[in-house]
Amino acid sequence: MEHTPQSSLTAIWTNVEDHALKRQSTGLAQARARATEAGAPQGSAAQAELLRVLEHMVGATSVIVVGTGAVVETYQLLDGLDGHGLLTAVDSSAQGIAMIRSLLRELSDSTQATLRAVSAPARVFLPRLNAADYDFIVVTGDTDNYRATYDQAFRLLSKGGIIAFTDMLPFAEQSGETSDDQAAAVDAGKADAMRQLLADVEDDERFDCTLTPNGMGLLLAVKR
């Protein structure tokens, strides 16, 4: 069986992402723009849209977003709750939690869902939560978020619940203030952590999982 040429895959990904960006609501597009202008690049529009659909598929009523200024994901997941349930956003960065709190204040009048924004590292906050109380967990942002959330995921999720790890295939971020060698080293560190996490999740018999090409690589794991 022949593989699709890399150029074709890139074109497909670009077209899907462009389509998802055009489908964003005015409120979501504005939230993305504000976050980006504030220096917090946002994730894939198509990926965030998929997360909302998965949330619907499992009938989630309690959701956790662990991220670093994950405005787009938080917006889509709140939308997916259809005005009910509980959304908990966990962010240990000062800028990130400020953006999330601003977003939740803005959206609070349009939903009856309970909104909770927590400024704390995932490894500190997640162990405090009740077991089997959550249907859907999304992890974004800093590398530390991933291992800490995975360590608590089986305990926190209800049976059939999903944990979604975004950006599993990191690329080096180039900037005028960072040398190519420094960027490569940072990226290599995250890449190593993601490879180990992928191996651990795939070997974990408590979950059924798959790595998908959505966004920058989306790992989905369902609690058995």
N, C-alpha and C. Protein backbone atom coordinates (compact mmCIF):
# COMPACT_ATOMS: atom_id res chain seq x y z
N MET A 1 0.86 -1.20 0.00
CA MET A 1 0.00 0.00 0.00
C MET A 1 0.89 1.24 0.00
N GLU A 2 0.66 2.15 -0.94
CA GLU A 2 1.48 3.34 -1.04
C GLU A 2 1.03 4.40 -0.05
N HIS A 3 2.01 5.13 0.48
CA HIS A 3 1.71 6.23 1.40
C HIS A 3 1.37 7.49 0.62
N THR A 4 0.51 8.32 1.22
CA THR A 4 0.21 9.61 0.62
C THR A 4 1.45 10.50 0.69
N PRO A 5 1.84 11.17 -0.40
CA PRO A 5 3.03 12.03 -0.37
C PRO A 5 2.93 13.09 0.73
N GLN A 6 4.07 13.44 1.30
CA GLN A 6 4.11 14.41 2.39
C GLN A 6 3.47 15.73 1.99
N SER A 7 3.70 16.16 0.76
CA SER A 7 3.13 17.43 0.31
C SER A 7 1.60 17.39 0.32
N SER A 8 1.04 16.23 -0.02
CA SER A 8 -0.41 16.08 -0.02
C SER A 8 -0.95 16.11 1.40
N LEU A 9 -0.25 15.47 2.33
CA LEU A 9 -0.67 15.48 3.72
C LEU A 9 -0.65 16.89 4.29
N THR A 10 0.39 17.65 3.95
CA THR A 10 0.48 19.03 4.41
C THR A 10 -0.67 19.87 3.87
N ALA A 11 -0.99 19.66 2.58
CA ALA A 11 -2.09 20.41 1.97
C ALA A 11 -3.42 20.05 2.62
N ILE A 12 -3.61 18.78 2.93
CA ILE A 12 -4.85 18.34 3.59
C ILE A 12 -4.97 19.00 4.96
N TRP A 13 -3.88 18.93 5.74
CA TRP A 13 -3.90 19.51 7.09
C TRP A 13 -4.21 21.01 7.01
N THR A 14 -3.57 21.71 6.07
CA THR A 14 -3.77 23.15 5.93
C THR A 14 -5.21 23.48 5.57
N ASN A 15 -5.77 22.71 4.64
CA ASN A 15 -7.15 22.96 4.23
C ASN A 15 -8.14 22.71 5.37
N VAL A 16 -7.91 21.65 6.12
CA VAL A 16 -8.79 21.33 7.26
C VAL A 16 -8.70 22.43 8.31
N GLU A 17 -7.48 22.89 8.58
CA GLU A 17 -7.30 23.93 9.59
C GLU A 17 -7.93 25.25 9.13
N ASP A 18 -7.75 25.60 7.88
CA ASP A 18 -8.36 26.83 7.35
C ASP A 18 -9.89 26.75 7.45
N HIS A 19 -10.42 25.58 7.14
CA HIS A 19 -11.87 25.39 7.22
C HIS A 19 -12.37 25.59 8.65
N ALA A 20 -11.64 25.01 9.61
CA ALA A 20 -12.03 25.13 11.02
C ALA A 20 -11.94 26.57 11.50
N LEU A 21 -10.92 27.29 11.05
CA LEU A 21 -10.78 28.70 11.44
C LEU A 21 -11.96 29.51 10.92
N LYS A 22 -12.42 29.21 9.71
CA LYS A 22 -13.55 29.94 9.14
C LYS A 22 -14.85 29.62 9.89
N ARG A 23 -14.93 28.44 10.48
CA ARG A 23 -16.14 28.01 11.19
C ARG A 23 -16.21 28.56 12.62
N GLN A 24 -15.12 29.16 13.11
CA GLN A 24 -15.13 29.69 14.47
C GLN A 24 -16.23 30.75 14.63
N SER A 25 -16.86 30.74 15.79
CA SER A 25 -17.81 31.80 16.09
C SER A 25 -17.05 33.12 16.24
N THR A 26 -17.79 34.22 16.18
CA THR A 26 -17.16 35.53 16.36
C THR A 26 -16.49 35.63 17.72
N GLY A 27 -17.16 35.12 18.76
CA GLY A 27 -16.59 35.18 20.10
C GLY A 27 -15.30 34.39 20.21
N LEU A 28 -15.28 33.20 19.62
CA LEU A 28 -14.07 32.38 19.67
C LEU A 28 -12.94 33.01 18.89
N ALA A 29 -13.24 33.54 17.72
CA ALA A 29 -12.21 34.20 16.90
C ALA A 29 -11.62 35.39 17.64
N GLN A 30 -12.46 36.15 18.32
CA GLN A 30 -11.97 37.30 19.08
C GLN A 30 -11.11 36.85 20.26
N ALA A 31 -11.52 35.78 20.95
CA ALA A 31 -10.75 35.27 22.08
C ALA A 31 -9.39 34.77 21.62
N ARG A 32 -9.36 34.08 20.46
CA ARG A 32 -8.09 33.61 19.90
C ARG A 32 -7.18 34.79 19.58
N ALA A 33 -7.74 35.82 18.95
CA ALA A 33 -6.94 36.97 18.55
C ALA A 33 -6.36 37.69 19.76
N ARG A 34 -7.18 37.87 20.81
CA ARG A 34 -6.69 38.55 22.01
C ARG A 34 -5.55 37.77 22.66
N ALA A 35 -5.71 36.47 22.75
CA ALA A 35 -4.68 35.63 23.37
C ALA A 35 -3.38 35.66 22.56
N THR A 36 -3.52 35.58 21.25
CA THR A 36 -2.35 35.60 20.38
C THR A 36 -1.62 36.94 20.47
N GLU A 37 -2.39 38.02 20.48
CA GLU A 37 -1.79 39.36 20.59
C GLU A 37 -1.10 39.55 21.93
N ALA A 38 -1.57 38.84 22.96
CA ALA A 38 -0.96 38.94 24.29
C ALA A 38 0.28 38.06 24.42
N GLY A 39 0.65 37.38 23.34
CA GLY A 39 1.85 36.56 23.36
C GLY A 39 1.63 35.13 23.78
N ALA A 40 0.39 34.65 23.66
CA ALA A 40 0.07 33.26 24.01
C ALA A 40 -0.48 32.56 22.77
N PRO A 41 0.38 31.98 21.94
CA PRO A 41 -0.08 31.30 20.73
C PRO A 41 -1.10 30.21 21.08
N GLN A 42 -2.14 30.11 20.26
CA GLN A 42 -3.21 29.16 20.54
C GLN A 42 -3.10 27.92 19.65
N GLY A 43 -3.75 26.87 20.09
CA GLY A 43 -3.68 25.60 19.39
C GLY A 43 -4.54 25.54 18.14
N SER A 44 -4.50 24.40 17.49
CA SER A 44 -5.22 24.16 16.24
C SER A 44 -6.72 24.34 16.41
N ALA A 45 -7.32 25.05 15.48
CA ALA A 45 -8.78 25.24 15.49
C ALA A 45 -9.50 23.92 15.24
N ALA A 46 -8.99 23.12 14.30
CA ALA A 46 -9.60 21.83 13.99
C ALA A 46 -9.51 20.89 15.18
N GLN A 47 -8.40 20.91 15.87
CA GLN A 47 -8.22 20.07 17.05
C GLN A 47 -9.21 20.46 18.14
N ALA A 48 -9.35 21.75 18.41
CA ALA A 48 -10.27 22.21 19.45
C ALA A 48 -11.71 21.86 19.09
N GLU A 49 -12.03 21.92 17.81
CA GLU A 49 -13.37 21.55 17.36
C GLU A 49 -13.61 20.05 17.59
N LEU A 50 -12.60 19.24 17.31
CA LEU A 50 -12.70 17.80 17.55
C LEU A 50 -12.89 17.50 19.03
N LEU A 51 -12.18 18.21 19.88
CA LEU A 51 -12.32 18.00 21.32
C LEU A 51 -13.76 18.27 21.77
N ARG A 52 -14.37 19.31 21.22
CA ARG A 52 -15.75 19.60 21.58
C ARG A 52 -16.68 18.47 21.13
N VAL A 53 -16.45 17.93 19.95
CA VAL A 53 -17.29 16.84 19.45
C VAL A 53 -17.10 15.58 20.30
N LEU A 54 -15.87 15.27 20.68
CA LEU A 54 -15.60 14.12 21.55
C LEU A 54 -16.29 14.29 22.90
N GLU A 55 -16.28 15.52 23.39
CA GLU A 55 -16.97 15.83 24.64
C GLU A 55 -18.45 15.47 24.53
N HIS A 56 -19.07 15.81 23.40
CA HIS A 56 -20.47 15.45 23.15
C HIS A 56 -20.63 13.93 23.07
N MET A 57 -19.69 13.27 22.41
CA MET A 57 -19.81 11.84 22.18
C MET A 57 -19.84 11.05 23.49
N VAL A 58 -19.06 11.49 24.48
CA VAL A 58 -19.04 10.78 25.76
C VAL A 58 -20.09 11.32 26.72
N GLY A 59 -20.84 12.33 26.28
CA GLY A 59 -21.86 12.92 27.15
C GLY A 59 -21.27 13.55 28.39
N ALA A 60 -20.14 14.22 28.23
CA ALA A 60 -19.41 14.77 29.37
C ALA A 60 -20.21 15.86 30.08
N THR A 61 -20.23 15.77 31.40
CA THR A 61 -20.83 16.82 32.23
C THR A 61 -19.81 17.44 33.18
N SER A 62 -18.63 16.84 33.23
CA SER A 62 -17.57 17.40 34.08
C SER A 62 -16.25 17.29 33.33
N VAL A 63 -15.61 18.44 33.11
CA VAL A 63 -14.45 18.54 32.23
C VAL A 63 -13.32 19.27 32.94
N ILE A 64 -12.10 18.81 32.71
CA ILE A 64 -10.90 19.49 33.21
C ILE A 64 -10.04 19.90 32.03
N VAL A 65 -9.59 21.15 32.01
CA VAL A 65 -8.61 21.61 31.03
C VAL A 65 -7.34 21.98 31.79
N VAL A 66 -6.27 21.26 31.54
CA VAL A 66 -4.98 21.57 32.14
C VAL A 66 -4.14 22.21 31.05
N GLY A 67 -3.77 23.47 31.21
CA GLY A 67 -3.08 24.12 30.12
C GLY A 67 -2.26 25.32 30.54
N THR A 68 -1.72 25.98 29.54
CA THR A 68 -0.98 27.22 29.73
C THR A 68 -1.59 28.25 28.79
N GLY A 69 -2.58 28.99 29.29
CA GLY A 69 -3.28 29.94 28.44
C GLY A 69 -4.08 29.27 27.35
N ALA A 70 -4.73 28.13 27.67
CA ALA A 70 -5.46 27.35 26.68
C ALA A 70 -6.85 27.94 26.44
N VAL A 71 -6.87 29.13 25.87
CA VAL A 71 -8.11 29.88 25.69
C VAL A 71 -9.04 29.19 24.70
N VAL A 72 -8.52 28.77 23.55
CA VAL A 72 -9.35 28.18 22.51
C VAL A 72 -9.96 26.86 22.98
N GLU A 73 -9.15 26.00 23.59
CA GLU A 73 -9.66 24.73 24.08
C GLU A 73 -10.72 24.94 25.15
N THR A 74 -10.46 25.88 26.07
CA THR A 74 -11.43 26.15 27.14
C THR A 74 -12.74 26.65 26.57
N TYR A 75 -12.67 27.53 25.59
CA TYR A 75 -13.87 28.08 24.96
C TYR A 75 -14.70 26.96 24.32
N GLN A 76 -14.04 26.11 23.54
CA GLN A 76 -14.76 25.04 22.84
C GLN A 76 -15.35 24.03 23.82
N LEU A 77 -14.63 23.70 24.87
CA LEU A 77 -15.13 22.72 25.83
C LEU A 77 -16.29 23.28 26.64
N LEU A 78 -16.24 24.56 26.95
CA LEU A 78 -17.38 25.17 27.63
C LEU A 78 -18.59 25.15 26.72
N ASP A 79 -18.39 25.45 25.45
CA ASP A 79 -19.48 25.41 24.48
C ASP A 79 -20.07 24.00 24.41
N GLY A 80 -19.21 22.99 24.49
CA GLY A 80 -19.66 21.61 24.41
C GLY A 80 -20.47 21.14 25.59
N LEU A 81 -20.42 21.85 26.70
CA LEU A 81 -21.22 21.48 27.87
C LEU A 81 -22.68 21.90 27.72
N ASP A 82 -22.97 22.69 26.70
CA ASP A 82 -24.35 23.10 26.40
C ASP A 82 -25.04 23.77 27.59
N GLY A 83 -24.28 24.58 28.32
CA GLY A 83 -24.88 25.37 29.38
C GLY A 83 -25.04 24.68 30.71
N HIS A 84 -24.52 23.44 30.83
CA HIS A 84 -24.69 22.70 32.09
C HIS A 84 -23.36 22.05 32.48
N GLY A 85 -23.32 21.48 33.70
CA GLY A 85 -22.15 20.74 34.11
C GLY A 85 -21.09 21.60 34.77
N LEU A 86 -19.86 21.08 34.76
CA LEU A 86 -18.73 21.71 35.45
C LEU A 86 -17.52 21.74 34.54
N LEU A 87 -16.91 22.91 34.43
CA LEU A 87 -15.63 23.04 33.73
C LEU A 87 -14.59 23.57 34.70
N THR A 88 -13.49 22.84 34.84
CA THR A 88 -12.38 23.25 35.70
C THR A 88 -11.16 23.51 34.84
N ALA A 89 -10.65 24.74 34.86
CA ALA A 89 -9.45 25.11 34.12
C ALA A 89 -8.30 25.27 35.10
N VAL A 90 -7.20 24.55 34.84
CA VAL A 90 -6.04 24.56 35.74
C VAL A 90 -4.86 25.14 34.97
N ASP A 91 -4.26 26.20 35.50
CA ASP A 91 -3.15 26.87 34.82
C ASP A 91 -2.22 27.44 35.87
N SER A 92 -0.95 27.08 35.82
CA SER A 92 0.00 27.55 36.83
C SER A 92 0.72 28.83 36.44
N SER A 93 0.51 29.31 35.20
CA SER A 93 1.19 30.53 34.77
C SER A 93 0.33 31.75 35.08
N ALA A 94 0.95 32.84 35.51
CA ALA A 94 0.20 34.05 35.86
C ALA A 94 -0.55 34.61 34.66
N GLN A 95 0.12 34.69 33.50
CA GLN A 95 -0.53 35.21 32.31
C GLN A 95 -1.66 34.29 31.86
N GLY A 96 -1.40 32.99 31.88
CA GLY A 96 -2.38 32.03 31.42
C GLY A 96 -3.65 32.05 32.25
N ILE A 97 -3.52 32.01 33.57
CA ILE A 97 -4.71 31.98 34.41
C ILE A 97 -5.47 33.29 34.33
N ALA A 98 -4.77 34.40 34.11
CA ALA A 98 -5.45 35.70 33.95
C ALA A 98 -6.31 35.69 32.70
N MET A 99 -5.80 35.13 31.60
CA MET A 99 -6.57 35.05 30.37
C MET A 99 -7.77 34.13 30.52
N ILE A 100 -7.57 33.00 31.20
CA ILE A 100 -8.67 32.05 31.39
C ILE A 100 -9.76 32.66 32.26
N ARG A 101 -9.37 33.34 33.33
CA ARG A 101 -10.37 33.96 34.20
C ARG A 101 -11.13 35.05 33.48
N SER A 102 -10.44 35.81 32.66
CA SER A 102 -11.11 36.85 31.88
C SER A 102 -12.11 36.23 30.92
N LEU A 103 -11.73 35.13 30.27
CA LEU A 103 -12.63 34.43 29.35
C LEU A 103 -13.85 33.90 30.07
N LEU A 104 -13.66 33.28 31.22
CA LEU A 104 -14.79 32.70 31.95
C LEU A 104 -15.73 33.77 32.47
N ARG A 105 -15.18 34.92 32.89
CA ARG A 105 -16.04 36.03 33.30
C ARG A 105 -16.89 36.51 32.12
N GLU A 106 -16.27 36.58 30.97
CA GLU A 106 -16.96 37.04 29.77
C GLU A 106 -18.09 36.10 29.38
N LEU A 107 -17.90 34.79 29.60
CA LEU A 107 -18.87 33.80 29.15
C LEU A 107 -19.85 33.38 30.24
N SER A 108 -19.64 33.83 31.46
CA SER A 108 -20.43 33.34 32.59
C SER A 108 -21.92 33.67 32.46
N ASP A 109 -22.25 34.79 31.84
CA ASP A 109 -23.66 35.18 31.72
C ASP A 109 -24.41 34.36 30.67
N SER A 110 -23.68 33.64 29.83
CA SER A 110 -24.32 32.90 28.74
C SER A 110 -24.41 31.41 29.02
N THR A 111 -24.09 30.99 30.24
CA THR A 111 -24.13 29.56 30.58
C THR A 111 -24.55 29.37 32.03
N GLN A 112 -25.16 28.23 32.30
CA GLN A 112 -25.48 27.84 33.67
C GLN A 112 -24.47 26.85 34.21
N ALA A 113 -23.47 26.52 33.40
CA ALA A 113 -22.42 25.61 33.86
C ALA A 113 -21.62 26.25 34.99
N THR A 114 -21.11 25.41 35.86
CA THR A 114 -20.23 25.88 36.92
C THR A 114 -18.82 26.03 36.36
N LEU A 115 -18.23 27.20 36.54
CA LEU A 115 -16.91 27.49 35.98
C LEU A 115 -15.91 27.67 37.11
N ARG A 116 -14.78 27.00 36.98
CA ARG A 116 -13.77 27.07 38.04
C ARG A 116 -12.40 27.24 37.39
N ALA A 117 -11.69 28.31 37.75
CA ALA A 117 -10.34 28.56 37.24
C ALA A 117 -9.37 28.49 38.41
N VAL A 118 -8.39 27.61 38.32
CA VAL A 118 -7.49 27.34 39.44
C VAL A 118 -6.06 27.68 39.04
N SER A 119 -5.42 28.52 39.84
CA SER A 119 -4.02 28.88 39.61
C SER A 119 -3.14 27.96 40.46
N ALA A 120 -2.67 26.87 39.87
CA ALA A 120 -1.85 25.90 40.61
C ALA A 120 -1.24 24.92 39.62
N PRO A 121 -0.09 24.35 39.95
CA PRO A 121 0.46 23.29 39.12
C PRO A 121 -0.47 22.08 39.14
N ALA A 122 -0.55 21.36 38.03
CA ALA A 122 -1.41 20.19 37.96
C ALA A 122 -1.05 19.17 39.02
N ARG A 123 0.24 18.99 39.28
CA ARG A 123 0.69 17.98 40.25
C ARG A 123 0.25 18.31 41.67
N VAL A 124 -0.04 19.59 41.92
CA VAL A 124 -0.49 20.01 43.25
C VAL A 124 -2.01 19.94 43.36
N PHE A 125 -2.71 20.39 42.32
CA PHE A 125 -4.16 20.51 42.42
C PHE A 125 -4.91 19.22 42.13
N LEU A 126 -4.52 18.49 41.09
CA LEU A 126 -5.31 17.33 40.67
C LEU A 126 -5.48 16.26 41.75
N PRO A 127 -4.46 15.99 42.59
CA PRO A 127 -4.66 14.98 43.63
C PRO A 127 -5.75 15.35 44.64
N ARG A 128 -6.17 16.60 44.68
CA ARG A 128 -7.21 17.03 45.63
C ARG A 128 -8.61 16.72 45.13
N LEU A 129 -8.76 16.41 43.85
CA LEU A 129 -10.09 16.22 43.27
C LEU A 129 -10.63 14.82 43.58
N ASN A 130 -11.96 14.72 43.58
CA ASN A 130 -12.62 13.45 43.86
C ASN A 130 -12.40 12.44 42.74
N ALA A 131 -12.27 11.18 43.11
CA ALA A 131 -12.06 10.12 42.14
C ALA A 131 -13.32 9.87 41.32
N ALA A 132 -13.12 9.49 40.05
CA ALA A 132 -14.18 9.06 39.14
C ALA A 132 -15.27 10.13 38.94
N ASP A 133 -14.93 11.39 39.14
CA ASP A 133 -15.91 12.47 39.03
C ASP A 133 -15.87 13.19 37.68
N TYR A 134 -14.93 12.83 36.79
CA TYR A 134 -14.72 13.61 35.57
C TYR A 134 -14.82 12.72 34.33
N ASP A 135 -15.40 13.29 33.28
CA ASP A 135 -15.66 12.54 32.05
C ASP A 135 -14.64 12.82 30.95
N PHE A 136 -14.01 13.99 31.02
CA PHE A 136 -13.15 14.40 29.90
C PHE A 136 -12.05 15.30 30.46
N ILE A 137 -10.80 14.99 30.11
CA ILE A 137 -9.65 15.78 30.54
C ILE A 137 -8.82 16.13 29.31
N VAL A 138 -8.47 17.40 29.17
CA VAL A 138 -7.63 17.86 28.06
C VAL A 138 -6.36 18.46 28.63
N VAL A 139 -5.22 18.07 28.06
CA VAL A 139 -3.92 18.54 28.53
C VAL A 139 -3.22 19.31 27.42
N THR A 140 -2.76 20.53 27.73
CA THR A 140 -2.04 21.36 26.78
C THR A 140 -0.88 22.03 27.52
N GLY A 141 -0.09 22.80 26.76
CA GLY A 141 0.86 23.71 27.39
C GLY A 141 2.18 23.10 27.83
N ASP A 142 2.64 23.52 29.01
CA ASP A 142 3.96 23.15 29.50
C ASP A 142 4.11 21.64 29.66
N THR A 143 5.31 21.14 29.42
CA THR A 143 5.58 19.71 29.48
C THR A 143 5.20 19.11 30.83
N ASP A 144 5.41 19.85 31.92
CA ASP A 144 5.11 19.33 33.26
C ASP A 144 3.63 18.96 33.41
N ASN A 145 2.76 19.62 32.65
CA ASN A 145 1.33 19.32 32.76
C ASN A 145 1.01 17.88 32.38
N TYR A 146 1.76 17.33 31.44
CA TYR A 146 1.40 16.05 30.84
C TYR A 146 1.58 14.89 31.82
N ARG A 147 2.77 14.75 32.36
CA ARG A 147 3.03 13.64 33.26
C ARG A 147 2.18 13.74 34.52
N ALA A 148 2.05 14.95 35.05
CA ALA A 148 1.27 15.14 36.28
C ALA A 148 -0.19 14.77 36.07
N THR A 149 -0.73 15.11 34.90
CA THR A 149 -2.13 14.80 34.63
C THR A 149 -2.31 13.31 34.33
N TYR A 150 -1.41 12.73 33.59
CA TYR A 150 -1.48 11.29 33.31
C TYR A 150 -1.46 10.49 34.61
N ASP A 151 -0.63 10.91 35.55
CA ASP A 151 -0.52 10.19 36.82
C ASP A 151 -1.84 10.16 37.59
N GLN A 152 -2.71 11.15 37.36
CA GLN A 152 -3.98 11.23 38.07
C GLN A 152 -5.19 10.82 37.22
N ALA A 153 -4.97 10.62 35.92
CA ALA A 153 -6.09 10.46 34.99
C ALA A 153 -6.97 9.26 35.30
N PHE A 154 -6.39 8.11 35.55
CA PHE A 154 -7.21 6.92 35.77
C PHE A 154 -8.06 7.09 37.02
N ARG A 155 -7.50 7.70 38.04
CA ARG A 155 -8.26 7.92 39.27
C ARG A 155 -9.39 8.91 39.06
N LEU A 156 -9.15 9.96 38.29
CA LEU A 156 -10.12 11.03 38.14
C LEU A 156 -11.25 10.71 37.17
N LEU A 157 -10.96 9.94 36.13
CA LEU A 157 -11.94 9.69 35.08
C LEU A 157 -13.00 8.67 35.49
N SER A 158 -14.22 8.91 35.01
CA SER A 158 -15.26 7.90 35.11
C SER A 158 -14.98 6.82 34.06
N LYS A 159 -15.62 5.66 34.18
CA LYS A 159 -15.42 4.59 33.20
C LYS A 159 -15.87 5.08 31.83
N GLY A 160 -15.04 4.88 30.82
CA GLY A 160 -15.33 5.37 29.48
C GLY A 160 -14.94 6.81 29.25
N GLY A 161 -14.40 7.46 30.30
CA GLY A 161 -13.95 8.84 30.16
C GLY A 161 -12.69 8.92 29.32
N ILE A 162 -12.42 10.11 28.78
CA ILE A 162 -11.30 10.32 27.86
C ILE A 162 -10.32 11.33 28.41
N ILE A 163 -9.03 11.04 28.25
CA ILE A 163 -8.00 12.06 28.43
C ILE A 163 -7.36 12.31 27.07
N ALA A 164 -7.25 13.59 26.70
CA ALA A 164 -6.71 13.99 25.41
C ALA A 164 -5.44 14.81 25.64
N PHE A 165 -4.32 14.32 25.12
CA PHE A 165 -3.04 15.02 25.22
C PHE A 165 -2.76 15.71 23.89
N THR A 166 -2.71 17.04 23.87
CA THR A 166 -2.44 17.78 22.65
C THR A 166 -0.92 17.93 22.44
N ASP A 167 -0.54 18.34 21.22
CA ASP A 167 0.86 18.68 20.91
C ASP A 167 1.84 17.58 21.28
N MET A 168 1.52 16.36 20.89
CA MET A 168 2.39 15.23 21.20
C MET A 168 3.62 15.15 20.30
N LEU A 169 3.62 15.91 19.22
CA LEU A 169 4.75 15.89 18.28
C LEU A 169 5.34 17.28 18.19
N PRO A 170 6.07 17.72 19.21
CA PRO A 170 6.53 19.12 19.29
C PRO A 170 7.60 19.43 18.26
N PHE A 171 7.54 20.67 17.78
CA PHE A 171 8.55 21.21 16.89
C PHE A 171 9.26 22.36 17.59
N ALA A 172 10.50 22.60 17.23
CA ALA A 172 11.25 23.69 17.85
C ALA A 172 10.61 25.02 17.51
N GLU A 173 10.52 25.89 18.51
CA GLU A 173 10.01 27.24 18.29
C GLU A 173 11.20 28.17 18.07
N GLN A 174 11.25 28.79 16.92
CA GLN A 174 12.35 29.68 16.58
C GLN A 174 11.98 31.12 16.91
N SER A 175 12.90 31.88 17.46
CA SER A 175 12.64 33.29 17.73
C SER A 175 13.94 34.05 17.64
N GLY A 176 13.82 35.36 17.55
CA GLY A 176 15.02 36.19 17.44
C GLY A 176 15.85 36.18 18.70
N GLU A 177 15.25 35.78 19.84
CA GLU A 177 15.97 35.79 21.11
C GLU A 177 16.54 34.43 21.47
N THR A 178 16.30 33.43 20.64
CA THR A 178 16.74 32.09 20.95
C THR A 178 17.57 31.54 19.79
N SER A 179 18.75 31.04 20.10
CA SER A 179 19.58 30.48 19.05
C SER A 179 18.98 29.16 18.56
N ASP A 180 19.38 28.74 17.36
CA ASP A 180 18.88 27.49 16.81
C ASP A 180 19.24 26.32 17.73
N ASP A 181 20.46 26.34 18.30
CA ASP A 181 20.89 25.27 19.18
C ASP A 181 20.04 25.22 20.45
N GLN A 182 19.75 26.40 21.01
CA GLN A 182 18.94 26.45 22.22
C GLN A 182 17.52 25.96 21.94
N ALA A 183 16.95 26.39 20.82
CA ALA A 183 15.59 25.97 20.46
C ALA A 183 15.53 24.47 20.25
N ALA A 184 16.56 23.95 19.58
CA ALA A 184 16.60 22.51 19.33
C ALA A 184 16.69 21.73 20.63
N ALA A 185 17.47 22.27 21.60
CA ALA A 185 17.62 21.59 22.88
C ALA A 185 16.30 21.58 23.65
N VAL A 186 15.62 22.72 23.65
CA VAL A 186 14.33 22.79 24.33
C VAL A 186 13.35 21.83 23.69
N ASP A 187 13.32 21.83 22.36
CA ASP A 187 12.40 20.95 21.65
C ASP A 187 12.75 19.49 21.89
N ALA A 188 14.03 19.16 21.91
CA ALA A 188 14.45 17.79 22.14
C ALA A 188 13.99 17.31 23.52
N GLY A 189 14.06 18.21 24.51
CA GLY A 189 13.61 17.84 25.84
C GLY A 189 12.13 17.52 25.87
N LYS A 190 11.33 18.35 25.22
CA LYS A 190 9.89 18.10 25.18
C LYS A 190 9.59 16.86 24.34
N ALA A 191 10.30 16.71 23.22
CA ALA A 191 10.08 15.55 22.36
C ALA A 191 10.37 14.26 23.11
N ASP A 192 11.45 14.24 23.89
CA ASP A 192 11.78 13.05 24.68
C ASP A 192 10.69 12.75 25.69
N ALA A 193 10.18 13.80 26.34
CA ALA A 193 9.12 13.62 27.34
C ALA A 193 7.85 13.09 26.68
N MET A 194 7.52 13.60 25.49
CA MET A 194 6.32 13.15 24.80
C MET A 194 6.45 11.71 24.30
N ARG A 195 7.65 11.36 23.84
CA ARG A 195 7.86 9.98 23.39
C ARG A 195 7.70 9.01 24.55
N GLN A 196 8.23 9.37 25.71
CA GLN A 196 8.11 8.51 26.87
C GLN A 196 6.66 8.41 27.34
N LEU A 197 5.96 9.55 27.31
CA LEU A 197 4.55 9.54 27.69
C LEU A 197 3.75 8.67 26.74
N LEU A 198 3.99 8.80 25.44
CA LEU A 198 3.29 7.99 24.46
C LEU A 198 3.51 6.51 24.72
N ALA A 199 4.76 6.13 24.98
CA ALA A 199 5.06 4.73 25.25
C ALA A 199 4.34 4.25 26.51
N ASP A 200 4.32 5.08 27.54
CA ASP A 200 3.69 4.69 28.80
C ASP A 200 2.18 4.53 28.64
N VAL A 201 1.55 5.45 27.93
CA VAL A 201 0.10 5.37 27.73
C VAL A 201 -0.25 4.16 26.87
N GLU A 202 0.52 3.91 25.83
CA GLU A 202 0.25 2.77 24.96
C GLU A 202 0.43 1.44 25.69
N ASP A 203 1.33 1.41 26.67
CA ASP A 203 1.57 0.19 27.44
C ASP A 203 0.63 0.04 28.63
N ASP A 204 -0.18 1.06 28.89
CA ASP A 204 -1.05 1.08 30.07
C ASP A 204 -2.36 0.34 29.75
N GLU A 205 -2.54 -0.84 30.30
CA GLU A 205 -3.70 -1.67 29.99
C GLU A 205 -5.00 -1.11 30.57
N ARG A 206 -4.91 -0.06 31.36
CA ARG A 206 -6.12 0.56 31.90
C ARG A 206 -6.80 1.46 30.88
N PHE A 207 -6.07 1.77 29.78
CA PHE A 207 -6.59 2.68 28.75
C PHE A 207 -6.55 2.02 27.38
N ASP A 208 -7.48 2.44 26.52
CA ASP A 208 -7.43 2.14 25.10
C ASP A 208 -7.08 3.45 24.41
N CYS A 209 -6.04 3.48 23.59
CA CYS A 209 -5.55 4.77 23.10
C CYS A 209 -5.20 4.75 21.62
N THR A 210 -5.11 5.96 21.06
CA THR A 210 -4.66 6.12 19.68
C THR A 210 -4.01 7.49 19.53
N LEU A 211 -2.95 7.56 18.73
CA LEU A 211 -2.29 8.82 18.39
C LEU A 211 -2.83 9.26 17.04
N THR A 212 -3.38 10.46 16.97
CA THR A 212 -3.98 10.98 15.74
C THR A 212 -3.18 12.17 15.21
N PRO A 213 -3.32 12.51 13.92
CA PRO A 213 -2.58 13.62 13.35
C PRO A 213 -3.25 14.98 13.55
N ASN A 214 -4.25 15.06 14.40
CA ASN A 214 -4.93 16.34 14.62
C ASN A 214 -3.99 17.32 15.33
N GLY A 215 -4.07 18.60 14.92
CA GLY A 215 -3.20 19.60 15.52
C GLY A 215 -1.75 19.23 15.32
N MET A 216 -0.99 19.24 16.42
CA MET A 216 0.42 18.84 16.39
C MET A 216 0.58 17.45 17.00
N GLY A 217 -0.44 16.63 16.78
CA GLY A 217 -0.44 15.27 17.32
C GLY A 217 -1.31 15.19 18.55
N LEU A 218 -2.44 14.48 18.45
CA LEU A 218 -3.39 14.39 19.55
C LEU A 218 -3.49 12.93 20.00
N LEU A 219 -3.11 12.68 21.25
CA LEU A 219 -3.18 11.35 21.83
C LEU A 219 -4.47 11.23 22.63
N LEU A 220 -5.32 10.28 22.26
CA LEU A 220 -6.57 10.06 22.95
C LEU A 220 -6.51 8.74 23.70
N ALA A 221 -6.89 8.76 24.98
CA ALA A 221 -6.89 7.55 25.79
C ALA A 221 -8.22 7.44 26.52
N VAL A 222 -8.87 6.29 26.36
CA VAL A 222 -10.18 6.03 26.97
C VAL A 222 -10.00 5.09 28.15
N LYS A 223 -10.56 5.46 29.29
CA LYS A 223 -10.48 4.59 30.47
C LYS A 223 -11.33 3.35 30.25
N ARG A 224 -10.75 2.19 30.41
CA ARG A 224 -11.46 0.92 30.22
C ARG A 224 -12.45 0.68 31.37
